[in-house]
Amino acid sequence: MTGLRDIALDSGPDASHTLYGVEAPACVIRDRMAAEPRIVFVTEPSGGTAGPDDRGP
């Protein structure tokens, strides 16, 4: 999605050569959160139930 960024990351997956990226220290995340006019938080649905496409055990 254009215009959205993960303020908790120091470096993304491509730059860090990891699956999820590298998270910034808590104090940096706090400062970034304080500077943002709006924060969107995305998480799993309550209970974490898998959808019909889930390939898990």
PDB file of N, CA and C in Angstrom:
ATOM      1  N   MET A   1       0.835  -1.181   0.000  1.00  0.00           N
ATOM      2  CA  MET A   1       0.000   0.000   0.000  1.00  0.00           C
ATOM      3  C   MET A   1       0.881   1.245   0.000  1.00  0.00           C
ATOM      4  N   THR A   2       0.565   2.173  -0.810  1.00  0.00           N
ATOM      5  CA  THR A   2       1.348   3.396  -0.927  1.00  0.00           C
ATOM      6  C   THR A   2       1.081   4.322   0.256  1.00  0.00           C
ATOM      7  N   GLY A   3       2.146   4.940   0.765  1.00  0.00           N
ATOM      8  CA  GLY A   3       1.989   5.918   1.829  1.00  0.00           C
ATOM      9  C   GLY A   3       2.037   5.360   3.234  1.00  0.00           C
ATOM     10  N   LEU A   4       2.108   4.054   3.376  1.00  0.00           N
ATOM     11  CA  LEU A   4       2.210   3.454   4.701  1.00  0.00           C
ATOM     12  C   LEU A   4       3.628   2.947   4.921  1.00  0.00           C
ATOM     13  N   ARG A   5       4.104   3.064   6.152  1.00  0.00           N
ATOM     14  CA  ARG A   5       5.423   2.513   6.484  1.00  0.00           C
ATOM     15  C   ARG A   5       5.374   1.946   7.884  1.00  0.00           C
ATOM     16  N   ASP A   6       6.230   1.010   8.155  1.00  0.00           N
ATOM     17  CA  ASP A   6       6.315   0.383   9.467  1.00  0.00           C
ATOM     18  C   ASP A   6       7.294   1.184  10.314  1.00  0.00           C
ATOM     19  N   ILE A   7       6.779   1.975  11.250  1.00  0.00           N
ATOM     20  CA  ILE A   7       7.641   2.835  12.059  1.00  0.00           C
ATOM     21  C   ILE A   7       8.430   2.056  13.107  1.00  0.00           C
ATOM     22  N   ALA A   8       8.140   0.768  13.256  1.00  0.00           N
ATOM     23  CA  ALA A   8       8.867  -0.049  14.217  1.00  0.00           C
ATOM     24  C   ALA A   8      10.134  -0.677  13.622  1.00  0.00           C
ATOM     25  N   LEU A   9      10.298  -0.569  12.304  1.00  0.00           N
ATOM     26  CA  LEU A   9      11.452  -1.211  11.675  1.00  0.00           C
ATOM     27  C   LEU A   9      12.630  -0.260  11.504  1.00  0.00           C
ATOM     28  N   ASP A  10      13.817  -0.763  11.828  1.00  0.00           N
ATOM     29  CA  ASP A  10      15.056  -0.051  11.509  1.00  0.00           C
ATOM     30  C   ASP A  10      15.435  -0.317  10.061  1.00  0.00           C
ATOM     31  N   SER A  11      15.248  -1.566   9.635  1.00  0.00           N
ATOM     32  CA  SER A  11      15.467  -1.917   8.231  1.00  0.00           C
ATOM     33  C   SER A  11      14.476  -3.002   7.841  1.00  0.00           C
ATOM     34  N   GLY A  12      13.983  -2.914   6.624  1.00  0.00           N
ATOM     35  CA  GLY A  12      12.999  -3.869   6.133  1.00  0.00           C
ATOM     36  C   GLY A  12      13.633  -5.193   5.736  1.00  0.00           C
ATOM     37  N   PRO A  13      12.813  -6.146   5.328  1.00  0.00           N
ATOM     38  CA  PRO A  13      13.310  -7.467   4.963  1.00  0.00           C
ATOM     39  C   PRO A  13      14.370  -7.458   3.861  1.00  0.00           C
ATOM     40  N   ASP A  14      14.170  -6.665   2.831  1.00  0.00           N
ATOM     41  CA  ASP A  14      15.141  -6.632   1.725  1.00  0.00           C
ATOM     42  C   ASP A  14      16.492  -6.109   2.201  1.00  0.00           C
ATOM     43  N   ALA A  15      16.474  -4.998   2.918  1.00  0.00           N
ATOM     44  CA  ALA A  15      17.724  -4.379   3.372  1.00  0.00           C
ATOM     45  C   ALA A  15      18.452  -5.216   4.415  1.00  0.00           C
ATOM     46  N   SER A  16      17.678  -5.907   5.278  1.00  0.00           N
ATOM     47  CA  SER A  16      18.297  -6.680   6.359  1.00  0.00           C
ATOM     48  C   SER A  16      18.569  -8.130   5.981  1.00  0.00           C
ATOM     49  N   HIS A  17      18.056  -8.545   4.816  1.00  0.00           N
ATOM     50  CA  HIS A  17      18.198  -9.945   4.361  1.00  0.00           C
ATOM     51  C   HIS A  17      17.618 -10.917   5.379  1.00  0.00           C
ATOM     52  N   THR A  18      16.479 -10.517   5.980  1.00  0.00           N
ATOM     53  CA  THR A  18      15.760 -11.379   6.918  1.00  0.00           C
ATOM     54  C   THR A  18      14.308 -11.470   6.471  1.00  0.00           C
ATOM     55  N   LEU A  19      13.550 -12.366   7.064  1.00  0.00           N
ATOM     56  CA  LEU A  19      12.154 -12.557   6.684  1.00  0.00           C
ATOM     57  C   LEU A  19      11.272 -11.387   7.107  1.00  0.00           C
ATOM     58  N   TYR A  20      11.515 -10.832   8.301  1.00  0.00           N
ATOM     59  CA  TYR A  20      10.632  -9.802   8.846  1.00  0.00           C
ATOM     60  C   TYR A  20      11.267  -8.430   8.980  1.00  0.00           C
ATOM     61  N   GLY A  21      12.551  -8.284   8.741  1.00  0.00           N
ATOM     62  CA  GLY A  21      13.232  -7.021   8.962  1.00  0.00           C
ATOM     63  C   GLY A  21      13.814  -6.963  10.367  1.00  0.00           C
ATOM     64  N   VAL A  22      14.392  -5.824  10.706  1.00  0.00           N
ATOM     65  CA  VAL A  22      15.011  -5.644  12.024  1.00  0.00           C
ATOM     66  C   VAL A  22      14.289  -4.504  12.734  1.00  0.00           C
ATOM     67  N   GLU A  23      13.769  -4.797  13.918  1.00  0.00           N
ATOM     68  CA  GLU A  23      13.004  -3.809  14.682  1.00  0.00           C
ATOM     69  C   GLU A  23      13.912  -2.787  15.353  1.00  0.00           C
ATOM     70  N   ALA A  24      13.435  -1.562  15.400  1.00  0.00           N
ATOM     71  CA  ALA A  24      14.158  -0.477  16.068  1.00  0.00           C
ATOM     72  C   ALA A  24      14.038  -0.644  17.589  1.00  0.00           C
ATOM     73  N   PRO A  25      14.938  -0.026  18.345  1.00  0.00           N
ATOM     74  CA  PRO A  25      14.821  -0.056  19.807  1.00  0.00           C
ATOM     75  C   PRO A  25      13.527   0.641  20.262  1.00  0.00           C
ATOM     76  N   ALA A  26      13.029   0.248  21.417  1.00  0.00           N
ATOM     77  CA  ALA A  26      11.765   0.786  21.937  1.00  0.00           C
ATOM     78  C   ALA A  26      11.762   2.308  22.022  1.00  0.00           C
ATOM     79  N   CYS A  27      12.863   2.911  22.433  1.00  0.00           N
ATOM     80  CA  CYS A  27      12.906   4.374  22.561  1.00  0.00           C
ATOM     81  C   CYS A  27      12.765   5.058  21.198  1.00  0.00           C
ATOM     82  N   VAL A  28      13.283   4.443  20.147  1.00  0.00           N
ATOM     83  CA  VAL A  28      13.153   4.990  18.801  1.00  0.00           C
ATOM     84  C   VAL A  28      11.708   4.854  18.321  1.00  0.00           C
ATOM     85  N   ILE A  29      11.099   3.700  18.573  1.00  0.00           N
ATOM     86  CA  ILE A  29       9.709   3.487  18.187  1.00  0.00           C
ATOM     87  C   ILE A  29       8.811   4.484  18.912  1.00  0.00           C
ATOM     88  N   ARG A  30       9.052   4.704  20.181  1.00  0.00           N
ATOM     89  CA  ARG A  30       8.266   5.664  20.961  1.00  0.00           C
ATOM     90  C   ARG A  30       8.342   7.060  20.340  1.00  0.00           C
ATOM     91  N   ASP A  31       9.551   7.491  19.994  1.00  0.00           N
ATOM     92  CA  ASP A  31       9.732   8.814  19.395  1.00  0.00           C
ATOM     93  C   ASP A  31       9.046   8.913  18.031  1.00  0.00           C
ATOM     94  N   ARG A  32       9.132   7.847  17.255  1.00  0.00           N
ATOM     95  CA  ARG A  32       8.475   7.845  15.946  1.00  0.00           C
ATOM     96  C   ARG A  32       6.952   7.896  16.100  1.00  0.00           C
ATOM     97  N   MET A  33       6.428   7.163  17.078  1.00  0.00           N
ATOM     98  CA  MET A  33       4.989   7.179  17.327  1.00  0.00           C
ATOM     99  C   MET A  33       4.529   8.571  17.744  1.00  0.00           C
ATOM    100  N   ALA A  34       5.293   9.235  18.574  1.00  0.00           N
ATOM    101  CA  ALA A  34       4.929  10.572  19.046  1.00  0.00           C
ATOM    102  C   ALA A  34       4.911  11.586  17.903  1.00  0.00           C
ATOM    103  N   ALA A  35       5.700  11.343  16.866  1.00  0.00           N
ATOM    104  CA  ALA A  35       5.790  12.277  15.746  1.00  0.00           C
ATOM    105  C   ALA A  35       4.710  12.052  14.686  1.00  0.00           C
ATOM    106  N   GLU A  36       3.984  10.939  14.753  1.00  0.00           N
ATOM    107  CA  GLU A  36       2.978  10.617  13.734  1.00  0.00           C
ATOM    108  C   GLU A  36       1.610  11.177  14.102  1.00  0.00           C
ATOM    109  N   PRO A  37       0.920  11.772  13.124  1.00  0.00           N
ATOM    110  CA  PRO A  37      -0.428  12.276  13.405  1.00  0.00           C
ATOM    111  C   PRO A  37      -1.471  11.150  13.476  1.00  0.00           C
ATOM    112  N   ARG A  38      -1.195  10.022  12.811  1.00  0.00           N
ATOM    113  CA  ARG A  38      -2.128   8.893  12.808  1.00  0.00           C
ATOM    114  C   ARG A  38      -1.333   7.604  12.708  1.00  0.00           C
ATOM    115  N   ILE A  39      -1.754   6.603  13.490  1.00  0.00           N
ATOM    116  CA  ILE A  39      -1.099   5.292  13.460  1.00  0.00           C
ATOM    117  C   ILE A  39      -2.166   4.238  13.203  1.00  0.00           C
ATOM    118  N   VAL A  40      -1.909   3.362  12.231  1.00  0.00           N
ATOM    119  CA  VAL A  40      -2.809   2.258  11.925  1.00  0.00           C
ATOM    120  C   VAL A  40      -2.149   0.990  12.440  1.00  0.00           C
ATOM    121  N   PHE A  41      -2.880   0.220  13.239  1.00  0.00           N
ATOM    122  CA  PHE A  41      -2.367  -1.008  13.830  1.00  0.00           C
ATOM    123  C   PHE A  41      -3.133  -2.177  13.236  1.00  0.00           C
ATOM    124  N   VAL A  42      -2.403  -3.136  12.659  1.00  0.00           N
ATOM    125  CA  VAL A  42      -3.022  -4.297  12.030  1.00  0.00           C
ATOM    126  C   VAL A  42      -2.583  -5.538  12.781  1.00  0.00           C
ATOM    127  N   THR A  43      -3.541  -6.412  13.097  1.00  0.00           N
ATOM    128  CA  THR A  43      -3.245  -7.619  13.843  1.00  0.00           C
ATOM    129  C   THR A  43      -4.161  -8.752  13.388  1.00  0.00           C
ATOM    130  N   GLU A  44      -3.958  -9.925  13.930  1.00  0.00           N
ATOM    131  CA  GLU A  44      -4.809 -11.077  13.658  1.00  0.00           C
ATOM    132  C   GLU A  44      -6.173 -10.865  14.322  1.00  0.00           C
ATOM    133  N   PRO A  45      -7.218 -11.517  13.803  1.00  0.00           N
ATOM    134  CA  PRO A  45      -8.520 -11.425  14.464  1.00  0.00           C
ATOM    135  C   PRO A  45      -8.453 -12.030  15.863  1.00  0.00           C
ATOM    136  N   SER A  46      -9.342 -11.600  16.710  1.00  0.00           N
ATOM    137  CA  SER A  46      -9.402 -12.122  18.077  1.00  0.00           C
ATOM    138  C   SER A  46      -9.480 -13.651  18.046  1.00  0.00           C
ATOM    139  N   GLY A  47      -8.666 -14.299  18.827  1.00  0.00           N
ATOM    140  CA  GLY A  47      -8.648 -15.761  18.862  1.00  0.00           C
ATOM    141  C   GLY A  47      -7.677 -16.369  17.882  1.00  0.00           C
ATOM    142  N   GLY A  48      -7.219 -15.596  16.903  1.00  0.00           N
ATOM    143  CA  GLY A  48      -6.212 -16.072  15.968  1.00  0.00           C
ATOM    144  C   GLY A  48      -6.647 -17.260  15.131  1.00  0.00           C
ATOM    145  N   THR A  49      -7.947 -17.382  14.838  1.00  0.00           N
ATOM    146  CA  THR A  49      -8.394 -18.518  14.034  1.00  0.00           C
ATOM    147  C   THR A  49      -7.892 -18.395  12.609  1.00  0.00           C
ATOM    148  N   ALA A  50      -7.561 -19.517  12.027  1.00  0.00           N
ATOM    149  CA  ALA A  50      -7.029 -19.551  10.667  1.00  0.00           C
ATOM    150  C   ALA A  50      -8.153 -19.455   9.657  1.00  0.00           C
ATOM    151  N   GLY A  51      -7.838 -18.843   8.522  1.00  0.00           N
ATOM    152  CA  GLY A  51      -8.805 -18.737   7.443  1.00  0.00           C
ATOM    153  C   GLY A  51      -8.852 -20.029   6.646  1.00  0.00           C
ATOM    154  N   PRO A  52      -9.734 -20.100   5.652  1.00  0.00           N
ATOM    155  CA  PRO A  52      -9.879 -21.331   4.868  1.00  0.00           C
ATOM    156  C   PRO A  52      -8.648 -21.672   4.017  1.00  0.00           C
ATOM    157  N   ASP A  53      -7.764 -20.711   3.766  1.00  0.00           N
ATOM    158  CA  ASP A  53      -6.575 -20.982   2.965  1.00  0.00           C
ATOM    159  C   ASP A  53      -5.366 -21.384   3.806  1.00  0.00           C
ATOM    160  N   ASP A  54      -5.530 -21.437   5.118  1.00  0.00           N
ATOM    161  CA  ASP A  54      -4.398 -21.739   5.989  1.00  0.00           C
ATOM    162  C   ASP A  54      -3.848 -23.134   5.686  1.00  0.00           C
ATOM    163  N   ARG A  55      -2.538 -23.208   5.555  1.00  0.00           N
ATOM    164  CA  ARG A  55      -1.881 -24.471   5.260  1.00  0.00           C
ATOM    165  C   ARG A  55      -1.205 -25.062   6.505  1.00  0.00           C
ATOM    166  N   GLY A  56      -1.477 -24.465   7.658  1.00  0.00           N
ATOM    167  CA  GLY A  56      -0.848 -24.912   8.902  1.00  0.00           C
ATOM    168  C   GLY A  56      -1.342 -26.254   9.370  1.00  0.00           C
ATOM    169  N   PRO A  57      -0.726 -26.760  10.435  1.00  0.00           N
ATOM    170  CA  PRO A  57      -1.100 -28.085  10.962  1.00  0.00           C
ATOM    171  C   PRO A  57      -2.497 -28.135  11.517  1.00  0.00           C
TER     172      PRO A  57
END
